[in-house]
Amino acid sequence: MQNQPTLDNPDYEWRPCRVAFPRVGLLINRDGVRTGMIWPGRYLVRKSRTFSKWIYRQPSADQQL
């Protein structure tokens, strides 16, 4: 039981991120997660527990980055 991963890892929390150049990545929205183009701009990002990849989402209008 010593190798049990902790869920308090900061990679799994949403944090602000700026993308400087386009890339293909995982986008999350109301419909779920899909692969798509990540265009330059501001996003919130966290690491996926399922896919072990970075997931990007657009910040809501009331969130300040």
Protein backbone atom coordinates (compact mmCIF):
# COMPACT_ATOMS: atom_id res chain seq x y z
CA MET A 1 0.00 0.00 0.00
CA GLN A 2 2.98 2.35 0.04
CA ASN A 3 2.81 2.90 -3.74
CA GLN A 4 -0.78 4.14 -3.70
CA PRO A 5 -0.97 7.45 -5.64
CA THR A 6 -2.27 10.45 -3.78
CA LEU A 7 -5.12 12.49 -5.21
CA ASP A 8 -3.61 15.68 -3.76
CA ASN A 9 -1.21 15.95 -6.70
CA PRO A 10 -1.28 19.56 -7.99
CA ASP A 11 -1.24 18.29 -11.61
CA TYR A 12 -4.88 17.21 -11.17
CA GLU A 13 -6.10 20.70 -10.19
CA TRP A 14 -7.20 23.30 -12.77
CA ARG A 15 -4.62 26.05 -13.22
CA PRO A 16 -4.20 28.91 -15.70
CA CYS A 17 -2.10 28.39 -18.81
CA ARG A 18 -1.22 30.45 -21.88
CA VAL A 19 -0.74 28.72 -25.21
CA ALA A 20 1.65 30.51 -27.58
CA PHE A 21 1.35 28.31 -30.68
CA PRO A 22 -1.35 25.93 -32.00
CA ARG A 23 -1.24 22.29 -31.00
CA VAL A 24 -3.44 19.21 -30.98
CA GLY A 25 -4.69 18.24 -27.55
CA LEU A 26 -7.63 17.17 -25.42
CA LEU A 27 -10.40 19.75 -25.00
CA ILE A 28 -13.16 19.46 -22.44
CA ASN A 29 -16.58 21.10 -22.71
CA ARG A 30 -20.16 20.34 -21.67
CA ASP A 31 -20.33 17.41 -24.10
CA GLY A 32 -17.19 15.68 -22.83
CA VAL A 33 -13.54 15.33 -23.84
CA ARG A 34 -12.46 15.36 -27.47
CA THR A 35 -9.24 15.75 -29.42
CA GLY A 36 -8.99 19.07 -31.21
CA MET A 37 -6.87 22.09 -32.04
CA ILE A 38 -5.72 24.20 -29.12
CA TRP A 39 -5.42 27.73 -30.52
CA PRO A 40 -3.22 30.42 -28.94
CA GLY A 41 -4.83 32.07 -25.96
CA ARG A 42 -5.70 31.54 -22.31
CA TYR A 43 -6.90 28.20 -20.99
CA LEU A 44 -7.29 26.27 -17.78
CA VAL A 45 -5.31 23.04 -17.78
CA ARG A 46 -5.02 19.92 -15.65
CA LYS A 47 -3.70 16.40 -16.07
CA SER A 48 -6.22 13.67 -16.86
CA ARG A 49 -6.36 10.79 -14.40
CA THR A 50 -7.71 8.50 -17.14
CA PHE A 51 -5.60 9.44 -20.16
CA SER A 52 -2.49 10.78 -18.32
CA LYS A 53 -2.46 13.71 -20.77
CA TRP A 54 -3.11 17.42 -20.33
CA ILE A 55 -6.74 18.52 -20.71
CA TYR A 56 -7.52 22.12 -21.73
CA ARG A 57 -10.72 24.10 -21.22
CA GLN A 58 -11.78 27.66 -21.89
CA PRO A 59 -12.19 29.74 -18.73
CA SER A 60 -15.72 30.93 -18.02
CA ALA A 61 -16.53 34.61 -18.46
CA ASP A 62 -16.47 35.33 -14.70
CA GLN A 63 -13.05 33.74 -14.09
CA GLN A 64 -9.96 35.94 -14.11
CA LEU A 65 -6.70 34.41 -15.33
